[in-house]
Amino acid sequence: MTLPRLAVLDVETSGLAASRHRILQAAVVQVSESAEVGAWSSYVRLRWPWQRVGPRHVHGIRRAALRGAPSLTEALDELAAQVDGALLTAHNAAFDTEFIRAASRHATPDAQRVLRHATDAALCTLELSRATDPERRRSHRLGDLCEYYGVALDQPHDALHDARATAAIVPKLLADLGIDSRAQLDPFIVGPSASDDSA
């Protein structure tokens, strides 16, 4: 199999709109030859005391966890180091990459360049999963995929746990689709949405 190193990303956010909501937690799991070779996760400090953390019943993140966390700039710099040179991968990649692109204006110039490049072409495991089920007989939500493939997801909507689960599902999806080369991934690569005006 001649596949690139993957940087499997997940973000937890205060809402669904990248233009007005923010990243609360980000995680990356490095995958090479279908094996995890590294992992990183960080909460992101609130910029102001009154910033909202959004649906805590979904992500479970409380303000106390964010108070002493790295700043957005610090977190983005580390995120850039994690994804540099790898194929960014996410479940519903359009969502995660839109938030990263919107936030990247707060990154240092070098990190901004890396993040923009990474989000220009990201592998979407949601699209891979849908391709295994063209008649859409199954749910393709991450939790349902974990159940289908027998992958543990102990803390749904925790960025690191979601990234690890996604990383574990990738080789199963690739095997189901008979993908063993980088060129075969092209139909499942997504770029910035047409509405992305953060570039």
Protein backbone atom coordinates (compact mmCIF):
# COMPACT_ATOMS: atom_id res chain seq x y z
CA MET A 1 0.00 0.00 0.00
CA THR A 2 1.45 3.33 -1.04
CA LEU A 3 -0.57 5.78 1.02
CA PRO A 4 0.65 9.02 2.57
CA ARG A 5 1.04 9.67 6.27
CA LEU A 6 -2.31 10.81 7.65
CA ALA A 7 -2.99 13.49 10.24
CA VAL A 8 -6.45 12.59 11.52
CA LEU A 9 -8.09 15.72 12.90
CA ASP A 10 -11.09 16.39 15.09
CA VAL A 11 -12.28 19.68 16.55
CA GLU A 12 -14.90 20.41 19.18
CA THR A 13 -16.55 23.79 18.79
CA SER A 14 -18.94 26.17 20.51
CA GLY A 15 -21.41 25.87 17.62
CA LEU A 16 -21.81 24.92 14.00
CA ALA A 17 -20.93 28.18 12.20
CA ALA A 18 -17.22 28.81 11.69
CA SER A 19 -17.93 32.50 11.06
CA ARG A 20 -19.22 33.09 14.60
CA HIS A 21 -18.36 30.07 16.74
CA ARG A 22 -14.95 28.98 17.93
CA ILE A 23 -12.70 25.97 18.44
CA LEU A 24 -12.70 24.71 22.03
CA GLN A 25 -10.57 21.58 21.55
CA ALA A 26 -8.49 20.13 18.74
CA ALA A 27 -6.77 16.78 18.37
CA VAL A 28 -4.61 15.06 15.77
CA VAL A 29 -3.72 11.39 15.54
CA GLN A 30 -0.77 10.60 13.26
CA VAL A 31 -1.21 7.43 11.19
CA SER A 32 1.45 5.74 9.09
CA GLU A 33 0.96 2.37 7.38
CA SER A 34 -2.41 2.06 9.18
CA ALA A 35 -0.78 2.34 12.62
CA GLU A 36 -0.98 5.22 15.08
CA VAL A 37 2.45 6.81 15.43
CA GLY A 38 1.58 9.86 17.52
CA ALA A 39 -1.23 11.85 19.08
CA TRP A 40 -1.79 15.40 20.28
CA SER A 41 -4.74 17.17 21.87
CA SER A 42 -5.34 20.60 23.35
CA TYR A 43 -8.13 22.68 24.76
CA VAL A 44 -8.17 26.30 23.61
CA ARG A 45 -8.33 29.16 26.10
CA LEU A 46 -11.36 31.43 26.03
CA ARG A 47 -10.38 34.87 24.76
CA TRP A 48 -12.88 36.65 27.00
CA PRO A 49 -14.64 35.54 30.17
CA TRP A 50 -18.07 35.94 28.55
CA GLN A 51 -17.39 33.77 25.51
CA ARG A 52 -19.82 30.93 25.21
CA VAL A 53 -18.76 27.30 25.26
CA GLY A 54 -21.89 26.18 23.44
CA PRO A 55 -23.70 22.85 23.88
CA ARG A 56 -22.00 21.31 26.92
CA HIS A 57 -24.48 18.44 26.81
CA VAL A 58 -22.81 17.47 23.49
CA HIS A 59 -19.09 18.07 24.01
CA GLY A 60 -18.95 18.10 27.82
CA ILE A 61 -16.36 20.91 27.88
CA ARG A 62 -16.59 23.27 30.85
CA ARG A 63 -15.14 26.74 31.21
CA ALA A 64 -12.72 25.54 33.91
CA ALA A 65 -11.00 23.25 31.39
CA LEU A 66 -10.42 26.20 29.05
CA ARG A 67 -9.16 28.84 31.49
CA GLY A 68 -5.59 27.57 31.72
CA ALA A 69 -5.42 26.14 28.20
CA PRO A 70 -3.08 27.40 25.46
CA SER A 71 -4.20 30.46 23.52
CA LEU A 72 -5.69 29.98 20.07
CA THR A 73 -2.42 31.11 18.49
CA GLU A 74 -0.41 28.62 20.56
CA ALA A 75 -2.83 25.78 19.81
CA LEU A 76 -2.82 26.55 16.09
CA ASP A 77 0.98 26.65 15.98
CA GLU A 78 1.12 23.18 17.53
CA LEU A 79 -1.66 21.94 15.26
CA ALA A 80 0.32 23.14 12.25
CA ALA A 81 3.33 21.17 13.44
CA GLN A 82 1.16 18.06 13.75
CA VAL A 83 -0.32 18.25 10.25
CA ASP A 84 2.69 19.54 8.32
CA GLY A 85 3.64 17.13 5.55
CA ALA A 86 0.69 14.80 6.15
CA LEU A 87 -2.66 14.35 4.43
CA LEU A 88 -5.20 16.00 6.71
CA THR A 89 -8.06 13.58 7.36
CA ALA A 90 -11.34 14.03 9.21
CA HIS A 91 -14.85 12.68 9.48
CA ASN A 92 -16.94 15.30 7.68
CA ALA A 93 -13.72 17.08 6.77
CA ALA A 94 -15.53 20.12 5.37
CA PHE A 95 -16.71 21.01 8.89
CA ASP A 96 -13.35 20.66 10.64
CA THR A 97 -11.35 22.34 7.90
CA GLU A 98 -13.75 25.29 7.70
CA PHE A 99 -13.16 25.97 11.41
CA ILE A 100 -9.40 25.61 11.03
CA ARG A 101 -9.34 28.00 8.06
CA ALA A 102 -11.48 30.56 9.89
CA ALA A 103 -9.28 30.35 12.99
CA SER A 104 -6.00 30.37 11.06
CA ARG A 105 -5.99 34.17 10.82
CA HIS A 106 -4.93 34.04 14.49
CA ALA A 107 -1.96 31.76 13.74
CA THR A 108 1.60 32.90 13.22
CA PRO A 109 2.48 33.35 9.52
CA ASP A 110 4.33 30.03 9.21
CA ALA A 111 1.52 28.11 10.92
CA GLN A 112 -1.07 29.92 8.81
CA ARG A 113 0.70 28.82 5.62
CA VAL A 114 0.82 25.17 6.79
CA LEU A 115 -2.82 25.16 7.90
CA ARG A 116 -4.07 26.75 4.68
CA HIS A 117 -2.12 24.22 2.63
CA ALA A 118 -3.40 21.29 4.72
CA THR A 119 -7.03 22.40 4.52
CA ASP A 120 -6.86 22.95 0.77
CA ALA A 121 -7.11 19.17 0.26
CA ALA A 122 -8.32 16.99 3.13
CA LEU A 123 -9.41 13.37 3.05
CA CYS A 124 -13.02 12.96 4.19
CA THR A 125 -13.89 9.67 5.90
CA LEU A 126 -17.59 10.53 5.72
CA GLU A 127 -17.31 10.51 1.92
CA LEU A 128 -15.32 7.27 2.05
CA SER A 129 -18.00 5.70 4.22
CA ARG A 130 -20.83 6.82 1.95
CA ALA A 131 -19.02 5.26 -1.01
CA THR A 132 -19.14 1.87 0.74
CA ASP A 133 -22.93 2.17 0.93
CA PRO A 134 -24.14 3.79 -2.32
CA GLU A 135 -27.79 3.01 -1.57
CA ARG A 136 -27.45 4.71 1.85
CA ARG A 137 -28.88 1.86 3.87
CA ARG A 138 -26.71 2.65 6.88
CA SER A 139 -25.98 5.68 9.04
CA HIS A 140 -22.55 7.17 8.44
CA ARG A 141 -22.26 9.11 11.68
CA LEU A 142 -18.98 8.41 13.45
CA GLY A 143 -20.60 6.64 16.41
CA ASP A 144 -22.60 4.37 14.12
CA LEU A 145 -19.53 3.57 12.04
CA CYS A 146 -17.65 2.64 15.20
CA GLU A 147 -20.42 0.23 16.10
CA TYR A 148 -20.51 -1.19 12.56
CA TYR A 149 -16.74 -1.79 12.45
CA GLY A 150 -16.30 -2.78 16.09
CA VAL A 151 -14.19 0.25 16.97
CA ALA A 152 -14.23 1.58 20.53
CA LEU A 153 -15.46 5.13 21.05
CA ASP A 154 -15.45 5.60 24.82
CA GLN A 155 -15.95 9.37 24.93
CA PRO A 156 -17.89 10.63 21.90
CA HIS A 157 -17.37 14.33 21.15
CA ASP A 158 -14.00 14.43 22.88
CA ALA A 159 -11.64 15.52 20.13
CA LEU A 160 -8.89 12.99 20.88
CA HIS A 161 -11.28 10.06 21.25
CA ASP A 162 -13.09 11.00 18.04
CA ALA A 163 -9.79 11.39 16.16
CA ARG A 164 -8.58 8.00 17.43
CA ALA A 165 -11.84 6.34 16.41
CA THR A 166 -11.66 7.94 12.97
CA ALA A 167 -8.05 6.80 12.60
CA ALA A 168 -9.08 3.24 13.46
CA ILE A 169 -11.87 3.29 10.89
CA VAL A 170 -9.75 4.62 8.00
CA PRO A 171 -8.01 1.30 7.14
CA LYS A 172 -11.35 -0.53 7.28
CA LEU A 173 -12.92 1.93 4.84
CA LEU A 174 -9.93 1.76 2.52
CA ALA A 175 -10.04 -2.04 2.57
CA ASP A 176 -13.77 -2.08 1.82
CA LEU A 177 -13.20 0.21 -1.17
CA GLY A 178 -10.06 -1.56 -2.37
CA ILE A 179 -7.99 1.61 -2.08
CA ASP A 180 -4.24 1.12 -1.86
CA SER A 181 -2.75 4.19 -3.54
CA ARG A 182 -2.82 7.96 -3.08
CA ALA A 183 -4.37 8.52 -6.50
CA GLN A 184 -7.42 6.47 -5.54
CA LEU A 185 -8.14 8.89 -2.70
CA ASP A 186 -8.77 11.83 -5.04
CA PRO A 187 -12.59 11.43 -5.20
CA PHE A 188 -12.71 11.71 -1.41
CA ILE A 189 -10.57 14.84 -1.07
CA VAL A 190 -12.41 18.03 -0.10
CA GLY A 191 -11.25 21.63 -0.24
CA PRO A 192 -12.57 24.95 1.03
CA SER A 193 -16.30 25.43 0.69
CA ALA A 194 -17.59 27.96 -1.80
CA SER A 195 -18.79 30.10 1.11
CA ASP A 196 -15.35 30.23 2.73
CA ASP A 197 -14.30 33.87 2.62
CA SER A 198 -11.52 33.56 5.18
CA ALA A 199 -8.81 33.05 2.55
